[in-house]
N, C-alpha and C. Protein backbone atom coordinates (compact mmCIF):
# COMPACT_ATOMS: atom_id res chain seq x y z
N MET A 1 90.11 114.23 91.83
CA MET A 1 89.79 113.07 91.01
C MET A 1 90.05 111.80 91.83
N ALA A 2 89.16 110.86 91.70
CA ALA A 2 89.25 109.61 92.45
C ALA A 2 90.44 108.76 92.01
N ASP A 3 90.96 108.00 92.94
CA ASP A 3 92.08 107.10 92.69
C ASP A 3 91.54 105.67 92.58
N ILE A 4 91.60 105.10 91.39
CA ILE A 4 91.02 103.78 91.13
C ILE A 4 91.70 102.71 91.99
N GLN A 5 93.02 102.71 92.01
CA GLN A 5 93.75 101.71 92.79
C GLN A 5 93.35 101.79 94.26
N ASN A 6 93.29 103.00 94.79
CA ASN A 6 92.90 103.20 96.19
C ASN A 6 91.47 102.70 96.44
N PHE A 7 90.58 102.89 95.48
CA PHE A 7 89.20 102.43 95.64
C PHE A 7 89.17 100.92 95.87
N PHE A 8 89.92 100.16 95.06
CA PHE A 8 89.89 98.70 95.18
C PHE A 8 90.78 98.18 96.31
N ASP A 9 91.85 98.91 96.65
CA ASP A 9 92.76 98.47 97.71
C ASP A 9 92.30 98.87 99.10
N GLU A 10 91.68 100.02 99.23
CA GLU A 10 91.36 100.57 100.55
C GLU A 10 89.87 100.83 100.75
N VAL A 11 89.31 101.67 99.89
CA VAL A 11 87.94 102.14 100.10
C VAL A 11 86.93 101.00 100.12
N LEU A 12 86.93 100.19 99.09
CA LEU A 12 85.94 99.11 99.00
C LEU A 12 86.14 98.04 100.08
N PRO A 13 87.35 97.55 100.33
CA PRO A 13 87.52 96.58 101.43
C PRO A 13 87.08 97.15 102.78
N ASN A 14 87.37 98.43 103.03
CA ASN A 14 86.95 99.05 104.28
C ASN A 14 85.43 99.15 104.37
N LYS A 15 84.79 99.44 103.25
CA LYS A 15 83.33 99.53 103.23
C LYS A 15 82.71 98.17 103.56
N LEU A 16 83.33 97.08 103.07
CA LEU A 16 82.81 95.74 103.35
C LEU A 16 82.97 95.39 104.83
N VAL A 17 84.02 95.90 105.46
CA VAL A 17 84.21 95.68 106.90
C VAL A 17 83.17 96.48 107.69
N GLU A 18 82.97 97.73 107.29
CA GLU A 18 82.03 98.60 107.98
C GLU A 18 80.57 98.22 107.76
N LYS A 19 80.28 97.67 106.58
CA LYS A 19 78.90 97.32 106.23
C LYS A 19 78.84 95.88 105.72
N PRO A 20 79.03 94.90 106.60
CA PRO A 20 79.03 93.50 106.17
C PRO A 20 77.70 93.05 105.56
N GLU A 21 76.64 93.78 105.84
CA GLU A 21 75.33 93.43 105.26
C GLU A 21 75.31 93.59 103.74
N LEU A 22 76.27 94.32 103.18
CA LEU A 22 76.33 94.47 101.72
C LEU A 22 76.53 93.13 101.03
N VAL A 23 77.34 92.26 101.62
CA VAL A 23 77.60 90.95 101.01
C VAL A 23 76.29 90.17 100.91
N GLU A 24 75.54 90.13 101.99
CA GLU A 24 74.28 89.39 101.98
C GLU A 24 73.24 90.04 101.06
N SER A 25 73.18 91.36 101.05
CA SER A 25 72.15 92.02 100.24
C SER A 25 72.46 91.97 98.75
N ILE A 26 73.74 91.91 98.38
CA ILE A 26 74.11 91.87 96.95
C ILE A 26 74.27 90.43 96.49
N GLY A 27 75.05 89.64 97.19
CA GLY A 27 75.14 88.20 96.96
C GLY A 27 75.63 87.73 95.60
N SER A 28 76.58 88.42 95.00
CA SER A 28 77.10 87.99 93.71
C SER A 28 78.54 88.47 93.54
N SER A 29 79.14 88.10 92.41
CA SER A 29 80.50 88.56 92.14
C SER A 29 80.51 89.43 90.88
N TYR A 30 81.42 90.38 90.89
CA TYR A 30 81.55 91.34 89.81
C TYR A 30 83.00 91.40 89.35
N GLN A 31 83.17 91.55 88.07
CA GLN A 31 84.50 91.76 87.52
C GLN A 31 84.52 93.15 86.89
N PHE A 32 85.49 93.95 87.28
CA PHE A 32 85.65 95.29 86.74
C PHE A 32 86.84 95.29 85.80
N ASP A 33 86.58 95.45 84.51
CA ASP A 33 87.64 95.57 83.50
C ASP A 33 87.75 97.05 83.18
N ILE A 34 88.78 97.68 83.71
CA ILE A 34 88.94 99.12 83.57
C ILE A 34 90.12 99.39 82.65
N ASP A 35 89.80 99.76 81.43
CA ASP A 35 90.81 100.03 80.41
C ASP A 35 91.69 101.18 80.85
N GLY A 36 92.98 100.93 80.97
CA GLY A 36 93.92 101.94 81.40
C GLY A 36 94.24 101.88 82.89
N ALA A 37 93.61 100.94 83.61
CA ALA A 37 93.86 100.84 85.05
C ALA A 37 94.07 99.40 85.51
N GLY A 38 93.31 98.45 84.98
CA GLY A 38 93.46 97.06 85.39
C GLY A 38 92.14 96.33 85.52
N CYS A 39 92.21 95.17 86.14
CA CYS A 39 91.04 94.31 86.30
C CYS A 39 90.96 93.88 87.77
N TRP A 40 89.76 93.94 88.33
CA TRP A 40 89.54 93.55 89.72
C TRP A 40 88.28 92.70 89.81
N THR A 41 88.26 91.82 90.78
CA THR A 41 87.08 91.02 91.09
C THR A 41 86.59 91.42 92.47
N VAL A 42 85.30 91.66 92.57
CA VAL A 42 84.66 91.96 93.84
C VAL A 42 83.67 90.82 94.08
N ASP A 43 84.02 89.95 95.01
CA ASP A 43 83.21 88.76 95.29
C ASP A 43 82.36 89.01 96.52
N LEU A 44 81.08 89.17 96.30
CA LEU A 44 80.13 89.42 97.37
C LEU A 44 79.15 88.26 97.48
N SER A 45 79.61 87.08 97.12
CA SER A 45 78.72 85.92 97.10
C SER A 45 78.60 85.23 98.44
N ASP A 46 79.60 85.39 99.33
CA ASP A 46 79.49 84.75 100.65
C ASP A 46 80.55 85.30 101.60
N GLY A 47 80.47 84.89 102.83
CA GLY A 47 81.44 85.30 103.84
C GLY A 47 81.46 86.80 104.03
N ALA A 48 82.66 87.31 104.20
CA ALA A 48 82.84 88.75 104.42
C ALA A 48 83.04 89.51 103.12
N GLY A 49 83.02 88.79 102.00
CA GLY A 49 83.28 89.42 100.71
C GLY A 49 84.78 89.56 100.50
N ALA A 50 85.18 89.77 99.27
CA ALA A 50 86.60 89.89 98.95
C ALA A 50 86.79 90.77 97.73
N VAL A 51 87.88 91.50 97.73
CA VAL A 51 88.26 92.33 96.59
C VAL A 51 89.67 91.90 96.22
N ARG A 52 89.87 91.51 94.96
CA ARG A 52 91.20 91.06 94.55
C ARG A 52 91.50 91.51 93.13
N THR A 53 92.76 91.58 92.83
CA THR A 53 93.22 91.94 91.50
C THR A 53 93.02 90.77 90.57
N GLY A 54 92.63 91.06 89.34
CA GLY A 54 92.46 90.03 88.32
C GLY A 54 91.01 89.63 88.14
N GLY A 55 90.80 88.84 87.10
CA GLY A 55 89.47 88.36 86.78
C GLY A 55 89.04 87.23 87.68
N GLY A 56 87.76 87.01 87.73
CA GLY A 56 87.21 85.94 88.55
C GLY A 56 86.66 84.81 87.71
N GLU A 57 86.38 83.71 88.36
CA GLU A 57 85.77 82.58 87.68
C GLU A 57 84.27 82.82 87.60
N SER A 58 83.74 82.90 86.42
CA SER A 58 82.31 83.06 86.18
C SER A 58 81.68 84.18 86.99
N PRO A 59 82.13 85.43 86.82
CA PRO A 59 81.49 86.52 87.55
C PRO A 59 80.04 86.67 87.11
N GLY A 60 79.20 87.08 88.03
CA GLY A 60 77.79 87.29 87.69
C GLY A 60 77.57 88.48 86.80
N CYS A 61 78.49 89.45 86.88
CA CYS A 61 78.38 90.66 86.08
C CYS A 61 79.78 91.19 85.77
N VAL A 62 80.02 91.51 84.53
CA VAL A 62 81.29 92.12 84.12
C VAL A 62 81.01 93.58 83.77
N VAL A 63 81.76 94.46 84.39
CA VAL A 63 81.65 95.90 84.16
C VAL A 63 82.87 96.32 83.35
N THR A 64 82.63 96.95 82.20
CA THR A 64 83.71 97.39 81.32
C THR A 64 83.61 98.90 81.15
N ILE A 65 84.74 99.58 81.39
CA ILE A 65 84.74 101.04 81.35
C ILE A 65 86.19 101.52 81.21
N LYS A 66 86.39 102.70 80.68
CA LYS A 66 87.73 103.30 80.60
C LYS A 66 88.04 104.01 81.91
N ALA A 67 89.32 104.07 82.24
CA ALA A 67 89.77 104.64 83.51
C ALA A 67 89.22 106.05 83.78
N PRO A 68 89.29 106.99 82.83
CA PRO A 68 88.77 108.34 83.13
C PRO A 68 87.27 108.33 83.46
N ASP A 69 86.53 107.46 82.79
CA ASP A 69 85.09 107.37 83.06
C ASP A 69 84.82 106.73 84.41
N PHE A 70 85.63 105.75 84.81
CA PHE A 70 85.45 105.14 86.12
C PHE A 70 85.78 106.15 87.22
N GLU A 71 86.78 106.98 87.00
CA GLU A 71 87.10 108.03 87.97
C GLU A 71 85.93 108.99 88.11
N LYS A 72 85.28 109.32 86.99
CA LYS A 72 84.08 110.18 87.06
C LYS A 72 82.98 109.49 87.85
N LEU A 73 82.83 108.20 87.64
CA LEU A 73 81.82 107.43 88.36
C LEU A 73 82.10 107.43 89.86
N LEU A 74 83.35 107.28 90.24
CA LEU A 74 83.70 107.30 91.66
C LEU A 74 83.45 108.67 92.28
N ASP A 75 83.75 109.73 91.53
CA ASP A 75 83.53 111.08 92.02
C ASP A 75 82.05 111.44 92.08
N ASN A 76 81.27 110.88 91.16
CA ASN A 76 79.85 111.20 91.06
C ASN A 76 79.07 109.95 90.67
N PRO A 77 78.70 109.11 91.65
CA PRO A 77 78.00 107.86 91.34
C PRO A 77 76.72 108.04 90.52
N SER A 78 76.10 109.20 90.62
CA SER A 78 74.87 109.43 89.86
C SER A 78 75.13 109.54 88.35
N SER A 79 76.40 109.61 87.95
CA SER A 79 76.72 109.68 86.52
C SER A 79 76.64 108.31 85.83
N ALA A 80 76.39 107.26 86.58
CA ALA A 80 76.37 105.90 86.00
C ALA A 80 75.37 105.77 84.85
N MET A 81 74.17 106.30 85.02
CA MET A 81 73.16 106.16 83.97
C MET A 81 73.59 106.87 82.69
N MET A 82 74.16 108.06 82.83
CA MET A 82 74.62 108.79 81.65
C MET A 82 75.75 108.02 80.96
N LEU A 83 76.69 107.48 81.75
CA LEU A 83 77.78 106.71 81.16
C LEU A 83 77.25 105.46 80.47
N PHE A 84 76.24 104.83 81.06
CA PHE A 84 75.65 103.63 80.47
C PHE A 84 74.92 103.95 79.17
N THR A 85 74.09 104.98 79.20
CA THR A 85 73.28 105.30 78.01
C THR A 85 74.14 105.80 76.85
N THR A 86 75.32 106.34 77.14
CA THR A 86 76.20 106.81 76.06
C THR A 86 77.18 105.72 75.63
N GLY A 87 77.08 104.53 76.23
CA GLY A 87 77.93 103.42 75.83
C GLY A 87 79.32 103.42 76.43
N ARG A 88 79.58 104.32 77.36
CA ARG A 88 80.91 104.40 77.97
C ARG A 88 81.03 103.48 79.18
N LEU A 89 79.91 102.98 79.67
CA LEU A 89 79.87 101.99 80.74
C LEU A 89 79.07 100.81 80.21
N LYS A 90 79.70 99.64 80.21
CA LYS A 90 79.03 98.43 79.71
C LYS A 90 78.97 97.42 80.84
N VAL A 91 77.83 96.74 80.93
CA VAL A 91 77.64 95.71 81.94
C VAL A 91 77.05 94.47 81.28
N SER A 92 77.45 93.31 81.77
CA SER A 92 76.96 92.07 81.17
C SER A 92 75.62 91.63 81.75
N ASN A 93 75.24 92.19 82.90
CA ASN A 93 73.98 91.84 83.55
C ASN A 93 73.42 93.10 84.19
N LEU A 94 72.45 93.71 83.52
CA LEU A 94 71.91 94.99 83.97
C LEU A 94 71.25 94.89 85.35
N THR A 95 70.54 93.82 85.60
CA THR A 95 69.88 93.65 86.89
C THR A 95 70.90 93.64 88.02
N MET A 96 71.97 92.89 87.85
CA MET A 96 73.01 92.83 88.88
C MET A 96 73.76 94.15 88.99
N ALA A 97 73.94 94.82 87.89
CA ALA A 97 74.65 96.09 87.90
C ALA A 97 73.91 97.13 88.74
N MET A 98 72.60 97.03 88.80
CA MET A 98 71.82 97.98 89.59
C MET A 98 72.18 97.88 91.09
N SER A 99 72.59 96.72 91.54
CA SER A 99 72.98 96.54 92.94
C SER A 99 74.29 97.23 93.28
N LEU A 100 75.07 97.57 92.26
CA LEU A 100 76.36 98.21 92.51
C LEU A 100 76.21 99.60 93.12
N GLN A 101 75.06 100.20 92.97
CA GLN A 101 74.84 101.51 93.56
C GLN A 101 75.11 101.48 95.07
N LYS A 102 74.83 100.34 95.70
CA LYS A 102 75.07 100.19 97.14
C LYS A 102 76.56 100.31 97.46
N LEU A 103 77.41 99.87 96.55
CA LEU A 103 78.85 99.95 96.80
C LEU A 103 79.42 101.34 96.57
N PHE A 104 78.82 102.07 95.65
CA PHE A 104 79.37 103.36 95.27
C PHE A 104 78.81 104.52 96.07
N SER A 105 77.72 104.29 96.79
CA SER A 105 77.11 105.39 97.55
C SER A 105 77.67 105.49 98.95
């Protein structure tokens, strides 16, 4: 099972270092509100990108999900559509949420 804290502390920051083009191709900020785990902001709007604990100022997209479902998403990114259609994954901007596939793959 995936470790949510590790994803935001290690995996995602390392991915941004390895693939700096993600910041330019996505170009927005996301807030992840994960019930049972915490809140993180992933800012891909400029520079090298940043991942930090807590909410952001005016995120372009807010992702809301429960911790067990987010762990499933990390283990199997293709489960996102099923989680979304069953209401277990909520996003404030569907168009921007589609770009998140680049981060999870």
